[in-house]
Amino acid sequence: MHGKYSRPKGGCPQQECKVPWPFATREMLVTSFELELPELDAVVPQEAETIVKETIHGFNASHLPPPKEGVIRMEANGGFILQKISDEKCYIRAVIHLDLKVDLVPTWVINFLGRQVVGHGFRLYLKTVSSVKESKVFQECIRQQPLYSRITLQMLPKSSHQNGYKS
């Protein structure tokens, strides 16, 4: 699978990916956003919904292109949340529902396999994070990326804010 990223003048960012059969004749239009919930010590970095109706999250979707001839539009809804449990623990939950519009495989099988892949992917993510979190490259990324420092600040104990922690 390979793709390209573009942002048309005055438009929304677009990501196009070429995928193998049986998904080559499919497309998905998705909207997503980040939501911060400081009162719950939580961040929702990604909430996504397929654009299949005239309005979504209060925005007009009528300017979006119709499906191309012979192309089937897939559907997906979901996201994930990061919530601080204690100073040492963080709760991460992913909820995703996919309808890839593939008749030969039932939707429940696709969603079951998707959850398995997400679980294995998350374990790999934890392993990778634990191996790089002390590296100089990672520390440099934290200093340069305001999103990382903002999330870190939200997840720190309240006493750290009062002790002069600066992002």
C-alpha atoms as a PDB file:
ATOM      1  CA  MET A   1       0.000   0.000   0.000  1.00  0.00           C
ATOM      2  CA  HIS A   2       1.316   3.444  -0.886  1.00  0.00           C
ATOM      3  CA  GLY A   3      -0.277   6.856  -0.936  1.00  0.00           C
ATOM      4  CA  LYS A   4       0.043  10.600  -1.255  1.00  0.00           C
ATOM      5  CA  TYR A   5      -0.999  13.530   0.907  1.00  0.00           C
ATOM      6  CA  SER A   6      -2.353  16.795  -0.475  1.00  0.00           C
ATOM      7  CA  ARG A   7      -4.177  19.879   0.703  1.00  0.00           C
ATOM      8  CA  PRO A   8      -6.130  21.546  -2.100  1.00  0.00           C
ATOM      9  CA  LYS A   9      -6.221  25.352  -1.894  1.00  0.00           C
ATOM     10  CA  GLY A  10      -9.075  26.279   0.427  1.00  0.00           C
ATOM     11  CA  GLY A  11      -9.964  22.627   1.003  1.00  0.00           C
ATOM     12  CA  CYS A  12      -9.526  19.890   3.554  1.00  0.00           C
ATOM     13  CA  PRO A  13      -6.361  17.778   3.702  1.00  0.00           C
ATOM     14  CA  GLN A  14      -6.641  14.596   1.638  1.00  0.00           C
ATOM     15  CA  GLN A  15      -4.833  11.278   1.941  1.00  0.00           C
ATOM     16  CA  GLU A  16      -5.041   8.905  -1.018  1.00  0.00           C
ATOM     17  CA  CYS A  17      -3.808   5.332  -0.709  1.00  0.00           C
ATOM     18  CA  LYS A  18      -3.605   2.622  -3.335  1.00  0.00           C
ATOM     19  CA  VAL A  19      -4.566  -0.728  -1.861  1.00  0.00           C
ATOM     20  CA  PRO A  20      -4.605  -4.266  -3.305  1.00  0.00           C
ATOM     21  CA  TRP A  21      -7.614  -6.318  -4.379  1.00  0.00           C
ATOM     22  CA  PRO A  22     -10.336  -6.791  -3.082  1.00  0.00           C
ATOM     23  CA  PHE A  23     -10.253  -3.182  -1.827  1.00  0.00           C
ATOM     24  CA  ALA A  24      -8.871  -1.544  -4.987  1.00  0.00           C
ATOM     25  CA  THR A  25     -12.346  -0.408  -6.087  1.00  0.00           C
ATOM     26  CA  ARG A  26     -13.249   1.135  -2.739  1.00  0.00           C
ATOM     27  CA  GLU A  27     -12.876   4.524  -1.119  1.00  0.00           C
ATOM     28  CA  MET A  28     -13.585   6.100   2.233  1.00  0.00           C
ATOM     29  CA  LEU A  29     -14.179   9.748   3.119  1.00  0.00           C
ATOM     30  CA  VAL A  30     -13.460  10.333   6.805  1.00  0.00           C
ATOM     31  CA  THR A  31     -13.581  13.337   9.089  1.00  0.00           C
ATOM     32  CA  SER A  32     -11.586  13.367  12.327  1.00  0.00           C
ATOM     33  CA  PHE A  33     -10.646  15.703  15.154  1.00  0.00           C
ATOM     34  CA  GLU A  34      -8.915  15.937  18.540  1.00  0.00           C
ATOM     35  CA  LEU A  35     -10.838  16.667  21.722  1.00  0.00           C
ATOM     36  CA  GLU A  36      -9.215  17.561  25.055  1.00  0.00           C
ATOM     37  CA  LEU A  37     -11.105  16.880  28.295  1.00  0.00           C
ATOM     38  CA  PRO A  38      -8.935  18.351  31.104  1.00  0.00           C
ATOM     39  CA  GLU A  39     -11.676  17.868  33.728  1.00  0.00           C
ATOM     40  CA  LEU A  40     -11.423  14.096  33.118  1.00  0.00           C
ATOM     41  CA  ASP A  41      -7.623  14.100  32.619  1.00  0.00           C
ATOM     42  CA  ALA A  42      -8.320  12.736  29.143  1.00  0.00           C
ATOM     43  CA  VAL A  43      -7.437  13.402  25.519  1.00  0.00           C
ATOM     44  CA  VAL A  44      -9.308  11.999  22.517  1.00  0.00           C
ATOM     45  CA  PRO A  45      -6.565  12.304  19.868  1.00  0.00           C
ATOM     46  CA  GLN A  46      -8.620  10.761  17.086  1.00  0.00           C
ATOM     47  CA  GLU A  47     -12.359  10.490  16.635  1.00  0.00           C
ATOM     48  CA  ALA A  48     -13.319   9.572  13.108  1.00  0.00           C
ATOM     49  CA  GLU A  49     -16.555   9.148  11.226  1.00  0.00           C
ATOM     50  CA  THR A  50     -17.235   8.284   7.612  1.00  0.00           C
ATOM     51  CA  ILE A  51     -18.912  11.041   5.662  1.00  0.00           C
ATOM     52  CA  VAL A  52     -22.115   9.452   4.347  1.00  0.00           C
ATOM     53  CA  LYS A  53     -24.689  12.163   5.054  1.00  0.00           C
ATOM     54  CA  GLU A  54     -25.281  15.825   4.163  1.00  0.00           C
ATOM     55  CA  THR A  55     -24.004  17.162   7.489  1.00  0.00           C
ATOM     56  CA  ILE A  56     -21.440  15.785   9.898  1.00  0.00           C
ATOM     57  CA  HIS A  57     -20.512  17.291  13.271  1.00  0.00           C
ATOM     58  CA  GLY A  58     -22.534  20.360  12.246  1.00  0.00           C
ATOM     59  CA  PHE A  59     -20.608  20.991   9.018  1.00  0.00           C
ATOM     60  CA  ASN A  60     -22.060  20.868   5.511  1.00  0.00           C
ATOM     61  CA  ALA A  61     -20.633  17.954   3.519  1.00  0.00           C
ATOM     62  CA  SER A  62     -22.418  18.734   0.238  1.00  0.00           C
ATOM     63  CA  HIS A  63     -19.197  20.017  -1.404  1.00  0.00           C
ATOM     64  CA  LEU A  64     -17.575  16.580  -1.223  1.00  0.00           C
ATOM     65  CA  PRO A  65     -17.290  14.594  -4.439  1.00  0.00           C
ATOM     66  CA  PRO A  66     -19.747  11.779  -5.161  1.00  0.00           C
ATOM     67  CA  PRO A  67     -18.318   8.244  -5.442  1.00  0.00           C
ATOM     68  CA  LYS A  68     -16.550   7.591  -8.730  1.00  0.00           C
ATOM     69  CA  GLU A  69     -18.260   5.257 -11.179  1.00  0.00           C
ATOM     70  CA  GLY A  70     -17.671   1.613 -10.212  1.00  0.00           C
ATOM     71  CA  VAL A  71     -16.248   2.570  -6.791  1.00  0.00           C
ATOM     72  CA  ILE A  72     -17.876   1.460  -3.528  1.00  0.00           C
ATOM     73  CA  ARG A  73     -17.734   3.795  -0.534  1.00  0.00           C
ATOM     74  CA  MET A  74     -16.775   2.004   2.707  1.00  0.00           C
ATOM     75  CA  GLU A  75     -17.882   3.111   6.178  1.00  0.00           C
ATOM     76  CA  ALA A  76     -15.952   3.503   9.434  1.00  0.00           C
ATOM     77  CA  ASN A  77     -16.774   5.033  12.805  1.00  0.00           C
ATOM     78  CA  GLY A  78     -14.597   5.113  15.877  1.00  0.00           C
ATOM     79  CA  GLY A  79     -11.678   6.599  17.675  1.00  0.00           C
ATOM     80  CA  PHE A  80      -9.566   6.222  20.760  1.00  0.00           C
ATOM     81  CA  ILE A  81      -9.165   7.936  24.118  1.00  0.00           C
ATOM     82  CA  LEU A  82      -6.192   8.416  26.454  1.00  0.00           C
ATOM     83  CA  GLN A  83      -7.156   8.923  30.106  1.00  0.00           C
ATOM     84  CA  LYS A  84      -4.899   9.323  33.120  1.00  0.00           C
ATOM     85  CA  ILE A  85      -5.704   6.789  35.864  1.00  0.00           C
ATOM     86  CA  SER A  86      -2.823   7.619  38.210  1.00  0.00           C
ATOM     87  CA  ASP A  87       0.648   9.121  37.941  1.00  0.00           C
ATOM     88  CA  GLU A  88       1.936   5.739  36.725  1.00  0.00           C
ATOM     89  CA  LYS A  89      -1.002   4.446  34.651  1.00  0.00           C
ATOM     90  CA  CYS A  90      -2.902   5.577  31.593  1.00  0.00           C
ATOM     91  CA  TYR A  91      -6.109   4.072  30.181  1.00  0.00           C
ATOM     92  CA  ILE A  92      -6.277   3.694  26.408  1.00  0.00           C
ATOM     93  CA  ARG A  93      -9.443   2.542  24.680  1.00  0.00           C
ATOM     94  CA  ALA A  94     -10.040   2.118  20.956  1.00  0.00           C
ATOM     95  CA  VAL A  95     -13.514   1.703  19.506  1.00  0.00           C
ATOM     96  CA  ILE A  96     -13.746   1.101  15.779  1.00  0.00           C
ATOM     97  CA  HIS A  97     -16.514  -0.235  13.562  1.00  0.00           C
ATOM     98  CA  LEU A  98     -15.688  -0.938   9.917  1.00  0.00           C
ATOM     99  CA  ASP A  99     -17.945  -1.893   7.051  1.00  0.00           C
ATOM    100  CA  LEU A 100     -15.592  -2.551   4.153  1.00  0.00           C
ATOM    101  CA  LYS A 101     -18.503  -3.514   1.880  1.00  0.00           C
ATOM    102  CA  VAL A 102     -17.012  -6.927   1.108  1.00  0.00           C
ATOM    103  CA  ASP A 103     -19.812  -9.465   0.661  1.00  0.00           C
ATOM    104  CA  LEU A 104     -17.634 -12.566   0.965  1.00  0.00           C
ATOM    105  CA  VAL A 105     -16.565 -11.713   4.550  1.00  0.00           C
ATOM    106  CA  PRO A 106     -19.204 -10.728   7.160  1.00  0.00           C
ATOM    107  CA  THR A 107     -18.757  -7.346   8.885  1.00  0.00           C
ATOM    108  CA  TRP A 108     -18.509  -8.989  12.326  1.00  0.00           C
ATOM    109  CA  VAL A 109     -15.497 -11.048  11.167  1.00  0.00           C
ATOM    110  CA  ILE A 110     -13.766  -7.946   9.806  1.00  0.00           C
ATOM    111  CA  ASN A 111     -14.376  -6.089  13.084  1.00  0.00           C
ATOM    112  CA  PHE A 112     -13.181  -9.054  15.176  1.00  0.00           C
ATOM    113  CA  LEU A 113      -9.974  -9.314  13.146  1.00  0.00           C
ATOM    114  CA  GLY A 114      -9.573  -5.540  13.312  1.00  0.00           C
ATOM    115  CA  ARG A 115      -9.688  -5.649  17.122  1.00  0.00           C
ATOM    116  CA  GLN A 116      -7.050  -8.384  17.133  1.00  0.00           C
ATOM    117  CA  VAL A 117      -4.788  -6.333  14.859  1.00  0.00           C
ATOM    118  CA  VAL A 118      -5.287  -3.221  17.020  1.00  0.00           C
ATOM    119  CA  GLY A 119      -4.420  -5.223  20.161  1.00  0.00           C
ATOM    120  CA  HIS A 120      -1.240  -6.633  18.640  1.00  0.00           C
ATOM    121  CA  GLY A 121      -0.372  -3.225  17.205  1.00  0.00           C
ATOM    122  CA  PHE A 122      -0.795  -1.600  20.604  1.00  0.00           C
ATOM    123  CA  ARG A 123       1.526  -4.117  22.258  1.00  0.00           C
ATOM    124  CA  LEU A 124       4.110  -3.370  19.562  1.00  0.00           C
ATOM    125  CA  TYR A 125       3.544   0.356  20.151  1.00  0.00           C
ATOM    126  CA  LEU A 126       4.206  -0.047  23.910  1.00  0.00           C
ATOM    127  CA  LYS A 127       7.387  -1.995  23.193  1.00  0.00           C
ATOM    128  CA  THR A 128       8.592   0.700  20.794  1.00  0.00           C
ATOM    129  CA  VAL A 129       7.750   3.546  23.184  1.00  0.00           C
ATOM    130  CA  SER A 130       9.595   1.894  26.054  1.00  0.00           C
ATOM    131  CA  SER A 131      12.689   1.458  23.879  1.00  0.00           C
ATOM    132  CA  VAL A 132      12.863   5.046  22.581  1.00  0.00           C
ATOM    133  CA  LYS A 133      11.411   7.256  25.314  1.00  0.00           C
ATOM    134  CA  GLU A 134      14.830   8.070  26.789  1.00  0.00           C
ATOM    135  CA  SER A 135      16.580   8.615  23.457  1.00  0.00           C
ATOM    136  CA  LYS A 136      17.950  12.038  22.498  1.00  0.00           C
ATOM    137  CA  VAL A 137      15.869  12.016  19.301  1.00  0.00           C
ATOM    138  CA  PHE A 138      12.632  11.509  21.246  1.00  0.00           C
ATOM    139  CA  GLN A 139      13.501  14.241  23.748  1.00  0.00           C
ATOM    140  CA  GLU A 140      14.228  16.603  20.844  1.00  0.00           C
ATOM    141  CA  CYS A 141      10.802  15.784  19.318  1.00  0.00           C
ATOM    142  CA  ILE A 142       9.124  16.664  22.616  1.00  0.00           C
ATOM    143  CA  ARG A 143      10.892  20.029  22.669  1.00  0.00           C
ATOM    144  CA  GLN A 144       9.908  20.818  19.074  1.00  0.00           C
ATOM    145  CA  GLN A 145       6.321  19.506  18.922  1.00  0.00           C
ATOM    146  CA  PRO A 146       3.792  21.572  20.890  1.00  0.00           C
ATOM    147  CA  LEU A 147       1.193  18.772  20.693  1.00  0.00           C
ATOM    148  CA  TYR A 148       3.483  16.375  22.580  1.00  0.00           C
ATOM    149  CA  SER A 149       4.228  18.863  25.346  1.00  0.00           C
ATOM    150  CA  ARG A 150       0.552  19.855  25.681  1.00  0.00           C
ATOM    151  CA  ILE A 151      -0.510  16.227  26.103  1.00  0.00           C
ATOM    152  CA  THR A 152       2.363  15.624  28.535  1.00  0.00           C
ATOM    153  CA  LEU A 153       1.294  18.643  30.584  1.00  0.00           C
ATOM    154  CA  GLN A 154      -2.307  17.353  30.759  1.00  0.00           C
ATOM    155  CA  MET A 155      -1.160  13.920  31.927  1.00  0.00           C
ATOM    156  CA  LEU A 156       1.245  15.175  34.640  1.00  0.00           C
ATOM    157  CA  PRO A 157       0.199  15.325  38.303  1.00  0.00           C
ATOM    158  CA  LYS A 158      -1.299  18.699  39.301  1.00  0.00           C
ATOM    159  CA  SER A 159       1.683  19.346  41.633  1.00  0.00           C
ATOM    160  CA  SER A 160       4.038  19.382  38.616  1.00  0.00           C
ATOM    161  CA  HIS A 161       2.164  22.374  37.185  1.00  0.00           C
ATOM    162  CA  GLN A 162       2.709  24.272  40.440  1.00  0.00           C
ATOM    163  CA  ASN A 163       6.404  23.300  40.602  1.00  0.00           C
ATOM    164  CA  GLY A 164       7.168  25.185  37.414  1.00  0.00           C
ATOM    165  CA  TYR A 165       6.945  22.506  34.707  1.00  0.00           C
ATOM    166  CA  LYS A 166       7.139  24.255  31.362  1.00  0.00           C
ATOM    167  CA  SER A 167       6.245  22.665  28.063  1.00  0.00           C
END
